[in-house]
Amino acid sequence: SPMGWFRQAPGKEREFVAAISWSGVNTYY
């Protein structure tokens, strides 16, 4: 499963932070 991290600050929409493919070969920030 690809996995990701998101974050949400008060009063703001949730935003993308980082992602990783299941093999770990690819990441994105």
PDB file of all heavy atoms in Angstrom:
ATOM      1  N   SER A   1       0.823  -1.204   0.000  1.00  0.00           N
ATOM      2  CA  SER A   1       0.000   0.000   0.000  1.00  0.00           C
ATOM      3  C   SER A   1       0.852   1.247   0.000  1.00  0.00           C
ATOM      4  O   SER A   1       1.711   1.406   0.870  1.00  0.00           O
ATOM      5  CB  SER A   1      -0.905   0.031   1.236  1.00  0.00           C
ATOM      6  OG  SER A   1      -1.827  -1.021   1.232  1.00  0.00           O
ATOM      7  N   PRO A   2       0.607   2.151  -0.928  1.00  0.00           N
ATOM      8  CA  PRO A   2       1.234   3.470  -0.810  1.00  0.00           C
ATOM      9  C   PRO A   2       0.752   4.140   0.470  1.00  0.00           C
ATOM     10  O   PRO A   2      -0.387   3.943   0.888  1.00  0.00           O
ATOM     11  CB  PRO A   2       0.723   4.225  -2.044  1.00  0.00           C
ATOM     12  CG  PRO A   2       0.272   3.161  -2.988  1.00  0.00           C
ATOM     13  CD  PRO A   2      -0.229   2.040  -2.127  1.00  0.00           C
ATOM     14  N   MET A   3       1.616   4.928   1.084  1.00  0.00           N
ATOM     15  CA  MET A   3       1.275   5.594   2.329  1.00  0.00           C
ATOM     16  C   MET A   3       1.577   7.077   2.217  1.00  0.00           C
ATOM     17  O   MET A   3       2.420   7.494   1.409  1.00  0.00           O
ATOM     18  CB  MET A   3       2.091   5.017   3.489  1.00  0.00           C
ATOM     19  CG  MET A   3       1.858   3.541   3.760  1.00  0.00           C
ATOM     20  SD  MET A   3       0.208   3.207   4.399  1.00  0.00           S
ATOM     21  CE  MET A   3       0.281   4.039   5.988  1.00  0.00           C
ATOM     22  N   GLY A   4       0.874   7.849   3.018  1.00  0.00           N
ATOM     23  CA  GLY A   4       1.103   9.289   2.970  1.00  0.00           C
ATOM     24  C   GLY A   4       0.904   9.944   4.324  1.00  0.00           C
ATOM     25  O   GLY A   4       0.318   9.347   5.237  1.00  0.00           O
ATOM     26  N   TRP A   5       1.417  11.147   4.413  1.00  0.00           N
ATOM     27  CA  TRP A   5       1.203  11.997   5.588  1.00  0.00           C
ATOM     28  C   TRP A   5       0.554  13.301   5.117  1.00  0.00           C
ATOM     29  O   TRP A   5       0.958  13.871   4.101  1.00  0.00           O
ATOM     30  CB  TRP A   5       2.517  12.329   6.282  1.00  0.00           C
ATOM     31  CG  TRP A   5       3.109  11.210   7.070  1.00  0.00           C
ATOM     32  CD1 TRP A   5       4.056  10.319   6.652  1.00  0.00           C
ATOM     33  CD2 TRP A   5       2.804  10.851   8.418  1.00  0.00           C
ATOM     34  NE1 TRP A   5       4.348   9.429   7.655  1.00  0.00           N
ATOM     35  CE2 TRP A   5       3.594   9.736   8.758  1.00  0.00           C
ATOM     36  CE3 TRP A   5       1.925  11.356   9.383  1.00  0.00           C
ATOM     37  CZ2 TRP A   5       3.544   9.114  10.011  1.00  0.00           C
ATOM     38  CZ3 TRP A   5       1.871  10.755  10.624  1.00  0.00           C
ATOM     39  CH2 TRP A   5       2.675   9.644  10.932  1.00  0.00           C
ATOM     40  N   PHE A   6      -0.426  13.730   5.886  1.00  0.00           N
ATOM     41  CA  PHE A   6      -1.101  14.998   5.655  1.00  0.00           C
ATOM     42  C   PHE A   6      -1.106  15.774   6.971  1.00  0.00           C
ATOM     43  O   PHE A   6      -0.832  15.210   8.033  1.00  0.00           O
ATOM     44  CB  PHE A   6      -2.544  14.767   5.191  1.00  0.00           C
ATOM     45  CG  PHE A   6      -2.653  14.201   3.810  1.00  0.00           C
ATOM     46  CD1 PHE A   6      -2.362  12.869   3.551  1.00  0.00           C
ATOM     47  CD2 PHE A   6      -3.045  14.997   2.741  1.00  0.00           C
ATOM     48  CE1 PHE A   6      -2.450  12.334   2.269  1.00  0.00           C
ATOM     49  CE2 PHE A   6      -3.138  14.482   1.461  1.00  0.00           C
ATOM     50  CZ  PHE A   6      -2.837  13.155   1.223  1.00  0.00           C
ATOM     51  N   ARG A   7      -1.445  17.046   6.906  1.00  0.00           N
ATOM     52  CA  ARG A   7      -1.555  17.824   8.124  1.00  0.00           C
ATOM     53  C   ARG A   7      -2.662  18.852   7.989  1.00  0.00           C
ATOM     54  O   ARG A   7      -3.003  19.278   6.882  1.00  0.00           O
ATOM     55  CB  ARG A   7      -0.233  18.496   8.469  1.00  0.00           C
ATOM     56  CG  ARG A   7       0.201  19.571   7.496  1.00  0.00           C
ATOM     57  CD  ARG A   7       1.604  20.073   7.851  1.00  0.00           C
ATOM     58  NE  ARG A   7       2.044  21.134   6.957  1.00  0.00           N
ATOM     59  CZ  ARG A   7       3.265  21.663   6.963  1.00  0.00           C
ATOM     60  NH1 ARG A   7       4.179  21.211   7.829  1.00  0.00           N
ATOM     61  NH2 ARG A   7       3.584  22.625   6.127  1.00  0.00           N
ATOM     62  N   GLN A   8      -3.193  19.253   9.143  1.00  0.00           N
ATOM     63  CA  GLN A   8      -4.241  20.262   9.165  1.00  0.00           C
ATOM     64  C   GLN A   8      -4.015  21.203  10.341  1.00  0.00           C
ATOM     65  O   GLN A   8      -4.011  20.774  11.494  1.00  0.00           O
ATOM     66  CB  GLN A   8      -5.620  19.618   9.272  1.00  0.00           C
ATOM     67  CG  GLN A   8      -6.754  20.616   9.126  1.00  0.00           C
ATOM     68  CD  GLN A   8      -8.094  19.929   8.959  1.00  0.00           C
ATOM     69  OE1 GLN A   8      -8.287  18.780   9.336  1.00  0.00           O
ATOM     70  NE2 GLN A   8      -9.041  20.647   8.379  1.00  0.00           N
ATOM     71  N   ALA A   9      -3.819  22.464  10.002  1.00  0.00           N
ATOM     72  CA  ALA A   9      -3.661  23.509  11.008  1.00  0.00           C
ATOM     73  C   ALA A   9      -5.024  24.117  11.314  1.00  0.00           C
ATOM     74  O   ALA A   9      -5.937  24.045  10.493  1.00  0.00           O
ATOM     75  CB  ALA A   9      -2.701  24.572  10.509  1.00  0.00           C
ATOM     76  N   PRO A  10      -5.182  24.722  12.484  1.00  0.00           N
ATOM     77  CA  PRO A  10      -6.480  25.323  12.832  1.00  0.00           C
ATOM     78  C   PRO A  10      -6.932  26.335  11.793  1.00  0.00           C
ATOM     79  O   PRO A  10      -6.156  27.200  11.368  1.00  0.00           O
ATOM     80  CB  PRO A  10      -6.185  26.006  14.177  1.00  0.00           C
ATOM     81  CG  PRO A  10      -5.056  25.231  14.744  1.00  0.00           C
ATOM     82  CD  PRO A  10      -4.215  24.823  13.574  1.00  0.00           C
ATOM     83  N   GLY A  11      -8.178  26.201  11.363  1.00  0.00           N
ATOM     84  CA  GLY A  11      -8.736  27.126  10.398  1.00  0.00           C
ATOM     85  C   GLY A  11      -8.308  26.912   8.966  1.00  0.00           C
ATOM     86  O   GLY A  11      -8.665  27.705   8.089  1.00  0.00           O
ATOM     87  N   LYS A  12      -7.535  25.861   8.732  1.00  0.00           N
ATOM     88  CA  LYS A  12      -7.055  25.588   7.373  1.00  0.00           C
ATOM     89  C   LYS A  12      -7.510  24.212   6.916  1.00  0.00           C
ATOM     90  O   LYS A  12      -7.849  23.358   7.731  1.00  0.00           O
ATOM     91  CB  LYS A  12      -5.532  25.687   7.313  1.00  0.00           C
ATOM     92  CG  LYS A  12      -4.988  27.075   7.595  1.00  0.00           C
ATOM     93  CD  LYS A  12      -3.496  27.123   7.348  1.00  0.00           C
ATOM     94  CE  LYS A  12      -2.944  28.523   7.549  1.00  0.00           C
ATOM     95  NZ  LYS A  12      -1.474  28.595   7.289  1.00  0.00           N
ATOM     96  N   GLU A  13      -7.475  24.016   5.615  1.00  0.00           N
ATOM     97  CA  GLU A  13      -7.815  22.711   5.069  1.00  0.00           C
ATOM     98  C   GLU A  13      -6.633  21.749   5.261  1.00  0.00           C
ATOM     99  O   GLU A  13      -5.484  22.156   5.370  1.00  0.00           O
ATOM    100  CB  GLU A  13      -8.160  22.830   3.588  1.00  0.00           C
ATOM    101  CG  GLU A  13      -9.433  23.610   3.337  1.00  0.00           C
ATOM    102  CD  GLU A  13      -9.857  23.554   1.880  1.00  0.00           C
ATOM    103  OE1 GLU A  13      -9.102  23.013   1.053  1.00  0.00           O
ATOM    104  OE2 GLU A  13     -10.955  24.050   1.582  1.00  0.00           O
ATOM    105  N   ARG A  14      -6.976  20.479   5.259  1.00  0.00           N
ATOM    106  CA  ARG A  14      -5.925  19.472   5.352  1.00  0.00           C
ATOM    107  C   ARG A  14      -5.076  19.515   4.085  1.00  0.00           C
ATOM    108  O   ARG A  14      -5.606  19.653   2.973  1.00  0.00           O
ATOM    109  CB  ARG A  14      -6.544  18.089   5.552  1.00  0.00           C
ATOM    110  CG  ARG A  14      -5.537  17.016   5.888  1.00  0.00           C
ATOM    111  CD  ARG A  14      -6.169  15.849   6.613  1.00  0.00           C
ATOM    112  NE  ARG A  14      -7.271  15.242   5.902  1.00  0.00           N
ATOM    113  CZ  ARG A  14      -8.002  14.250   6.412  1.00  0.00           C
ATOM    114  NH1 ARG A  14      -7.753  13.784   7.621  1.00  0.00           N
ATOM    115  NH2 ARG A  14      -8.983  13.736   5.687  1.00  0.00           N
ATOM    116  N   GLU A  15      -3.762  19.402   4.261  1.00  0.00           N
ATOM    117  CA  GLU A  15      -2.861  19.500   3.120  1.00  0.00           C
ATOM    118  C   GLU A  15      -1.891  18.329   3.083  1.00  0.00           C
ATOM    119  O   GLU A  15      -1.538  17.751   4.116  1.00  0.00           O
ATOM    120  CB  GLU A  15      -2.069  20.820   3.167  1.00  0.00           C
ATOM    121  CG  GLU A  15      -1.128  20.944   4.342  1.00  0.00           C
ATOM    122  CD  GLU A  15      -0.275  22.215   4.289  1.00  0.00           C
ATOM    123  OE1 GLU A  15      -0.448  23.022   3.360  1.00  0.00           O
ATOM    124  OE2 GLU A  15       0.565  22.378   5.194  1.00  0.00           O
ATOM    125  N   PHE A  16      -1.468  18.027   1.900  1.00  0.00           N
ATOM    126  CA  PHE A  16      -0.512  16.959   1.656  1.00  0.00           C
ATOM    127  C   PHE A  16       0.858  17.340   2.201  1.00  0.00           C
ATOM    128  O   PHE A  16       1.289  18.486   2.068  1.00  0.00           O
ATOM    129  CB  PHE A  16      -0.415  16.684   0.158  1.00  0.00           C
ATOM    130  CG  PHE A  16       0.732  15.810  -0.248  1.00  0.00           C
ATOM    131  CD1 PHE A  16       0.661  14.437  -0.081  1.00  0.00           C
ATOM    132  CD2 PHE A  16       1.872  16.353  -0.782  1.00  0.00           C
ATOM    133  CE1 PHE A  16       1.723  13.627  -0.453  1.00  0.00           C
ATOM    134  CE2 PHE A  16       2.939  15.569  -1.168  1.00  0.00           C
ATOM    135  CZ  PHE A  16       2.866  14.202  -0.994  1.00  0.00           C
ATOM    136  N   VAL A  17       1.551  16.353   2.797  1.00  0.00           N
ATOM    137  CA  VAL A  17       2.899  16.586   3.307  1.00  0.00           C
ATOM    138  C   VAL A  17       3.916  15.710   2.572  1.00  0.00           C
ATOM    139  O   VAL A  17       4.901  16.209   2.030  1.00  0.00           O
ATOM    140  CB  VAL A  17       2.984  16.298   4.821  1.00  0.00           C
ATOM    141  CG1 VAL A  17       4.422  16.422   5.312  1.00  0.00           C
ATOM    142  CG2 VAL A  17       2.067  17.246   5.594  1.00  0.00           C
ATOM    143  N   ALA A  18       3.676  14.399   2.574  1.00  0.00           N
ATOM    144  CA  ALA A  18       4.655  13.485   1.985  1.00  0.00           C
ATOM    145  C   ALA A  18       3.976  12.175   1.616  1.00  0.00           C
ATOM    146  O   ALA A  18       2.962  11.807   2.208  1.00  0.00           O
ATOM    147  CB  ALA A  18       5.805  13.226   2.947  1.00  0.00           C
ATOM    148  N   ALA A  19       4.564  11.472   0.657  1.00  0.00           N
ATOM    149  CA  ALA A  19       4.028  10.187   0.229  1.00  0.00           C
ATOM    150  C   ALA A  19       5.167   9.241  -0.098  1.00  0.00           C
ATOM    151  O   ALA A  19       6.272   9.679  -0.452  1.00  0.00           O
ATOM    152  CB  ALA A  19       3.128  10.363  -0.995  1.00  0.00           C
ATOM    153  N   ILE A  20       4.855   7.945  -0.007  1.00  0.00           N
ATOM    154  CA  ILE A  20       5.863   6.932  -0.299  1.00  0.00           C
ATOM    155  C   ILE A  20       5.197   5.737  -0.965  1.00  0.00           C
ATOM    156  O   ILE A  20       4.094   5.323  -0.572  1.00  0.00           O
ATOM    157  CB  ILE A  20       6.614   6.515   0.992  1.00  0.00           C
ATOM    158  CG1 ILE A  20       7.794   5.597   0.672  1.00  0.00           C
ATOM    159  CG2 ILE A  20       5.665   5.885   1.999  1.00  0.00           C
ATOM    160  CD1 ILE A  20       8.744   5.406   1.860  1.00  0.00           C
ATOM    161  N   SER A  21       5.835   5.196  -1.975  1.00  0.00           N
ATOM    162  CA  SER A  21       5.323   3.998  -2.621  1.00  0.00           C
ATOM    163  C   SER A  21       5.547   2.788  -1.722  1.00  0.00           C
ATOM    164  O   SER A  21       6.331   2.859  -0.764  1.00  0.00           O
ATOM    165  CB  SER A  21       6.024   3.802  -3.963  1.00  0.00           C
ATOM    166  OG  SER A  21       7.426   3.625  -3.756  1.00  0.00           O
ATOM    167  N   TRP A  22       4.882   1.670  -2.030  1.00  0.00           N
ATOM    168  CA  TRP A  22       4.985   0.550  -1.088  1.00  0.00           C
ATOM    169  C   TRP A  22       6.375  -0.047  -1.040  1.00  0.00           C
ATOM    170  O   TRP A  22       6.805  -0.594  -0.028  1.00  0.00           O
ATOM    171  CB  TRP A  22       3.933  -0.524  -1.356  1.00  0.00           C
ATOM    172  CG  TRP A  22       3.993  -1.297  -2.645  1.00  0.00           C
ATOM    173  CD1 TRP A  22       3.153  -1.162  -3.711  1.00  0.00           C
ATOM    174  CD2 TRP A  22       4.888  -2.358  -3.005  1.00  0.00           C
ATOM    175  NE1 TRP A  22       3.461  -2.051  -4.706  1.00  0.00           N
ATOM    176  CE2 TRP A  22       4.531  -2.813  -4.294  1.00  0.00           C
ATOM    177  CE3 TRP A  22       5.955  -2.985  -2.361  1.00  0.00           C
ATOM    178  CZ2 TRP A  22       5.200  -3.850  -4.943  1.00  0.00           C
ATOM    179  CZ3 TRP A  22       6.615  -4.015  -2.999  1.00  0.00           C
ATOM    180  CH2 TRP A  22       6.242  -4.433  -4.278  1.00  0.00           C
ATOM    181  N   SER A  23       7.114   0.078  -2.120  1.00  0.00           N
ATOM    182  CA  SER A  23       8.475  -0.449  -2.122  1.00  0.00           C
ATOM    183  C   SER A  23       9.451   0.491  -1.433  1.00  0.00           C
ATOM    184  O   SER A  23      10.577   0.101  -1.117  1.00  0.00           O
ATOM    185  CB  SER A  23       8.931  -0.669  -3.562  1.00  0.00           C
ATOM    186  OG  SER A  23       9.070   0.570  -4.208  1.00  0.00           O
ATOM    187  N   GLY A  24       9.020   1.751  -1.248  1.00  0.00           N
ATOM    188  CA  GLY A  24       9.918   2.742  -0.693  1.00  0.00           C
ATOM    189  C   GLY A  24      10.822   3.388  -1.726  1.00  0.00           C
ATOM    190  O   GLY A  24      11.569   4.309  -1.397  1.00  0.00           O
ATOM    191  N   VAL A  25      10.738   2.931  -2.965  1.00  0.00           N
ATOM    192  CA  VAL A  25      11.607   3.451  -4.027  1.00  0.00           C
ATOM    193  C   VAL A  25      11.290   4.906  -4.322  1.00  0.00           C
ATOM    194  O   VAL A  25      12.183   5.719  -4.565  1.00  0.00           O
ATOM    195  CB  VAL A  25      11.449   2.597  -5.303  1.00  0.00           C
ATOM    196  CG1 VAL A  25      12.088   3.289  -6.493  1.00  0.00           C
ATOM    197  CG2 VAL A  25      12.059   1.231  -5.097  1.00  0.00           C
ATOM    198  N   ASN A  26      10.003   5.231  -4.346  1.00  0.00           N
ATOM    199  CA  ASN A  26       9.600   6.598  -4.685  1.00  0.00           C
ATOM    200  C   ASN A  26       9.001   7.328  -3.495  1.00  0.00           C
ATOM    201  O   ASN A  26       8.179   6.769  -2.764  1.00  0.00           O
ATOM    202  CB  ASN A  26       8.583   6.579  -5.815  1.00  0.00           C
ATOM    203  CG  ASN A  26       9.233   6.303  -7.157  1.00  0.00           C
ATOM    204  OD1 ASN A  26      10.415   6.527  -7.338  1.00  0.00           O
ATOM    205  ND2 ASN A  26       8.456   5.809  -8.094  1.00  0.00           N
ATOM    206  N   THR A  27       9.419   8.558  -3.323  1.00  0.00           N
ATOM    207  CA  THR A  27       8.852   9.447  -2.324  1.00  0.00           C
ATOM    208  C   THR A  27       8.557  10.792  -2.964  1.00  0.00           C
ATOM    209  O   THR A  27       9.131  11.130  -4.011  1.00  0.00           O
ATOM    210  CB  THR A  27       9.810   9.660  -1.134  1.00  0.00           C
ATOM    211  OG1 THR A  27      11.052  10.184  -1.627  1.00  0.00           O
ATOM    212  CG2 THR A  27      10.078   8.360  -0.398  1.00  0.00           C
ATOM    213  N   TYR A  28       7.667  11.527  -2.332  1.00  0.00           N
ATOM    214  CA  TYR A  28       7.298  12.844  -2.869  1.00  0.00           C
ATOM    215  C   TYR A  28       6.934  13.743  -1.703  1.00  0.00           C
ATOM    216  O   TYR A  28       6.324  13.299  -0.734  1.00  0.00           O
ATOM    217  CB  TYR A  28       6.115  12.697  -3.827  1.00  0.00           C
ATOM    218  CG  TYR A  28       5.821  13.956  -4.598  1.00  0.00           C
ATOM    219  CD1 TYR A  28       6.554  14.292  -5.736  1.00  0.00           C
ATOM    220  CD2 TYR A  28       4.812  14.825  -4.200  1.00  0.00           C
ATOM    221  CE1 TYR A  28       6.289  15.443  -6.446  1.00  0.00           C
ATOM    222  CE2 TYR A  28       4.545  15.981  -4.903  1.00  0.00           C
ATOM    223  CZ  TYR A  28       5.278  16.284  -6.019  1.00  0.00           C
ATOM    224  OH  TYR A  28       5.028  17.436  -6.715  1.00  0.00           O
ATOM    225  N   TYR A  29       7.306  15.024  -1.812  1.00  0.00           N
ATOM    226  CA  TYR A  29       7.105  15.953  -0.706  1.00  0.00           C
ATOM    227  C   TYR A  29       6.457  17.244  -1.169  1.00  0.00           C
ATOM    228  O   TYR A  29       6.680  17.693  -2.292  1.00  0.00           O
ATOM    229  CB  TYR A  29       8.449  16.299  -0.056  1.00  0.00           C
ATOM    230  CG  TYR A  29       9.170  15.117   0.519  1.00  0.00           C
ATOM    231  CD1 TYR A  29      10.072  14.388  -0.253  1.00  0.00           C
ATOM    232  CD2 TYR A  29       8.935  14.692   1.824  1.00  0.00           C
ATOM    233  CE1 TYR A  29      10.721  13.280   0.262  1.00  0.00           C
ATOM    234  CE2 TYR A  29       9.584  13.592   2.359  1.00  0.00           C
ATOM    235  CZ  TYR A  29      10.473  12.892   1.566  1.00  0.00           C
ATOM    236  OH  TYR A  29      11.117  11.794   2.087  1.00  0.00           O
TER     237      TYR A  29
END
